[in-house]
Amino acid sequence: MLIHALVATLHFLALALGVGSVVVRGLRLRDLRGGAPNDRILTSLFVADALWGVAAALWIATGLLRVFAGLERASAFYRRNGFFYVKMALFLSVVAV
């Protein structure tokens, strides 16, 4: 039960980390439109990109555990759920870009 709660918590924390990093990245890219890049903007942009990578790795690792380790529901539940496939397609399209 404790492992289930830990994996679920990490999965949702990755969501918050990913959304926050995307927002910061968007703001920094908007700052770059106005003129020449400075070290502060570029550093913030690179940190946001790195955090997005950490969030993506956490999503993948914890998501695979949640689906295939049977922590919450059986794997068959996810295999027959159309919404699960839509989420995976959207995630892959974001990661591929």
C-alpha atoms as a PDB file:
ATOM      1  CA  MET A   1       0.000   0.000   0.000  1.00  0.00           C
ATOM      2  CA  LEU A   2       2.849   2.386   0.807  1.00  0.00           C
ATOM      3  CA  ILE A   3       4.523   1.712  -2.559  1.00  0.00           C
ATOM      4  CA  HIS A   4       1.235   2.463  -4.338  1.00  0.00           C
ATOM      5  CA  ALA A   5       0.942   5.808  -2.535  1.00  0.00           C
ATOM      6  CA  LEU A   6       4.580   6.709  -3.198  1.00  0.00           C
ATOM      7  CA  VAL A   7       4.361   5.927  -6.926  1.00  0.00           C
ATOM      8  CA  ALA A   8       1.064   7.803  -7.271  1.00  0.00           C
ATOM      9  CA  THR A   9       2.492  10.815  -5.424  1.00  0.00           C
ATOM     10  CA  LEU A  10       5.584  10.893  -7.642  1.00  0.00           C
ATOM     11  CA  HIS A  11       3.390  10.586 -10.727  1.00  0.00           C
ATOM     12  CA  PHE A  12       1.301  13.605  -9.747  1.00  0.00           C
ATOM     13  CA  LEU A  13       4.319  15.626  -8.600  1.00  0.00           C
ATOM     14  CA  ALA A  14       5.807  15.027 -12.055  1.00  0.00           C
ATOM     15  CA  LEU A  15       2.656  16.579 -13.498  1.00  0.00           C
ATOM     16  CA  ALA A  16       3.133  19.725 -11.431  1.00  0.00           C
ATOM     17  CA  LEU A  17       6.840  19.867 -12.256  1.00  0.00           C
ATOM     18  CA  GLY A  18       6.159  19.427 -15.967  1.00  0.00           C
ATOM     19  CA  VAL A  19       3.427  22.040 -16.172  1.00  0.00           C
ATOM     20  CA  GLY A  20       5.503  24.523 -14.203  1.00  0.00           C
ATOM     21  CA  SER A  21       8.515  24.002 -16.426  1.00  0.00           C
ATOM     22  CA  VAL A  22       6.443  24.451 -19.586  1.00  0.00           C
ATOM     23  CA  VAL A  23       5.031  27.727 -18.230  1.00  0.00           C
ATOM     24  CA  VAL A  24       8.483  29.037 -17.284  1.00  0.00           C
ATOM     25  CA  ARG A  25       9.865  27.973 -20.660  1.00  0.00           C
ATOM     26  CA  GLY A  26       7.083  29.861 -22.439  1.00  0.00           C
ATOM     27  CA  LEU A  27       7.727  32.984 -20.411  1.00  0.00           C
ATOM     28  CA  ARG A  28      11.461  32.877 -21.068  1.00  0.00           C
ATOM     29  CA  LEU A  29      10.941  32.334 -24.792  1.00  0.00           C
ATOM     30  CA  ARG A  30       8.652  35.370 -24.766  1.00  0.00           C
ATOM     31  CA  ASP A  31      11.430  37.351 -23.064  1.00  0.00           C
ATOM     32  CA  LEU A  32      13.810  36.360 -25.857  1.00  0.00           C
ATOM     33  CA  ARG A  33      11.537  37.948 -28.487  1.00  0.00           C
ATOM     34  CA  GLY A  34      12.196  41.397 -27.103  1.00  0.00           C
ATOM     35  CA  GLY A  35      15.905  41.569 -27.756  1.00  0.00           C
ATOM     36  CA  ALA A  36      19.266  39.965 -27.289  1.00  0.00           C
ATOM     37  CA  PRO A  37      19.380  37.017 -24.892  1.00  0.00           C
ATOM     38  CA  ASN A  38      21.137  37.527 -21.590  1.00  0.00           C
ATOM     39  CA  ASP A  39      22.591  34.974 -19.193  1.00  0.00           C
ATOM     40  CA  ARG A  40      19.663  35.143 -16.761  1.00  0.00           C
ATOM     41  CA  ILE A  41      17.068  34.353 -19.421  1.00  0.00           C
ATOM     42  CA  LEU A  42      19.116  31.581 -21.006  1.00  0.00           C
ATOM     43  CA  THR A  43      19.915  29.974 -17.649  1.00  0.00           C
ATOM     44  CA  SER A  44      16.251  30.007 -16.673  1.00  0.00           C
ATOM     45  CA  LEU A  45      15.308  28.547 -20.052  1.00  0.00           C
ATOM     46  CA  PHE A  46      17.848  25.722 -19.763  1.00  0.00           C
ATOM     47  CA  VAL A  47      16.768  24.919 -16.201  1.00  0.00           C
ATOM     48  CA  ALA A  48      13.125  24.762 -17.333  1.00  0.00           C
ATOM     49  CA  ASP A  49      14.099  22.401 -20.151  1.00  0.00           C
ATOM     50  CA  ALA A  50      16.032  20.197 -17.733  1.00  0.00           C
ATOM     51  CA  LEU A  51      13.079  20.093 -15.333  1.00  0.00           C
ATOM     52  CA  TRP A  52      10.802  19.129 -18.216  1.00  0.00           C
ATOM     53  CA  GLY A  53      13.147  16.210 -18.899  1.00  0.00           C
ATOM     54  CA  VAL A  54      13.063  15.140 -15.256  1.00  0.00           C
ATOM     55  CA  ALA A  55       9.275  15.372 -15.231  1.00  0.00           C
ATOM     56  CA  ALA A  56       9.025  13.308 -18.430  1.00  0.00           C
ATOM     57  CA  ALA A  57      11.315  10.620 -16.997  1.00  0.00           C
ATOM     58  CA  LEU A  58       9.251  10.513 -13.792  1.00  0.00           C
ATOM     59  CA  TRP A  59       6.005  10.273 -15.774  1.00  0.00           C
ATOM     60  CA  ILE A  60       7.320   7.414 -17.854  1.00  0.00           C
ATOM     61  CA  ALA A  61       8.815   5.468 -14.952  1.00  0.00           C
ATOM     62  CA  THR A  62       5.916   5.892 -12.543  1.00  0.00           C
ATOM     63  CA  GLY A  63       3.343   5.487 -15.297  1.00  0.00           C
ATOM     64  CA  LEU A  64       4.822   2.173 -16.388  1.00  0.00           C
ATOM     65  CA  LEU A  65       4.843   1.031 -12.771  1.00  0.00           C
ATOM     66  CA  ARG A  66       1.222   2.031 -12.316  1.00  0.00           C
ATOM     67  CA  VAL A  67       0.145   0.236 -15.492  1.00  0.00           C
ATOM     68  CA  PHE A  68       2.211  -2.938 -15.473  1.00  0.00           C
ATOM     69  CA  ALA A  69       2.994  -3.563 -11.803  1.00  0.00           C
ATOM     70  CA  GLY A  70      -0.677  -3.799 -10.875  1.00  0.00           C
ATOM     71  CA  LEU A  71      -0.381  -1.181  -8.161  1.00  0.00           C
ATOM     72  CA  GLU A  72      -3.823   0.292  -8.772  1.00  0.00           C
ATOM     73  CA  ARG A  73      -5.671  -1.669 -11.397  1.00  0.00           C
ATOM     74  CA  ALA A  74      -4.949  -4.692 -13.519  1.00  0.00           C
ATOM     75  CA  SER A  75      -3.080  -4.096 -16.777  1.00  0.00           C
ATOM     76  CA  ALA A  76      -6.138  -5.294 -18.695  1.00  0.00           C
ATOM     77  CA  PHE A  77      -8.024  -2.212 -17.510  1.00  0.00           C
ATOM     78  CA  TYR A  78      -5.545   0.056 -19.281  1.00  0.00           C
ATOM     79  CA  ARG A  79      -5.320  -2.090 -22.419  1.00  0.00           C
ATOM     80  CA  ARG A  80      -9.065  -1.843 -23.041  1.00  0.00           C
ATOM     81  CA  ASN A  81      -9.386   1.847 -22.068  1.00  0.00           C
ATOM     82  CA  GLY A  82      -9.498   4.191 -25.078  1.00  0.00           C
ATOM     83  CA  PHE A  83      -8.732   7.250 -22.943  1.00  0.00           C
ATOM     84  CA  PHE A  84      -5.430   5.647 -21.918  1.00  0.00           C
ATOM     85  CA  TYR A  85      -4.400   5.332 -25.572  1.00  0.00           C
ATOM     86  CA  VAL A  86      -5.342   8.956 -26.252  1.00  0.00           C
ATOM     87  CA  LYS A  87      -3.202  10.097 -23.299  1.00  0.00           C
ATOM     88  CA  MET A  88      -0.265   8.009 -24.494  1.00  0.00           C
ATOM     89  CA  ALA A  89      -0.572   9.375 -28.053  1.00  0.00           C
ATOM     90  CA  LEU A  90      -0.643  12.960 -26.776  1.00  0.00           C
ATOM     91  CA  PHE A  91       2.330  12.341 -24.514  1.00  0.00           C
ATOM     92  CA  LEU A  92       4.332  10.754 -27.324  1.00  0.00           C
ATOM     93  CA  SER A  93       3.503  13.632 -29.654  1.00  0.00           C
ATOM     94  CA  VAL A  94       4.802  16.153 -27.093  1.00  0.00           C
ATOM     95  CA  VAL A  95       7.957  14.148 -26.377  1.00  0.00           C
ATOM     96  CA  ALA A  96       8.614  13.633 -30.105  1.00  0.00           C
ATOM     97  CA  VAL A  97       8.616  17.373 -30.783  1.00  0.00           C
END
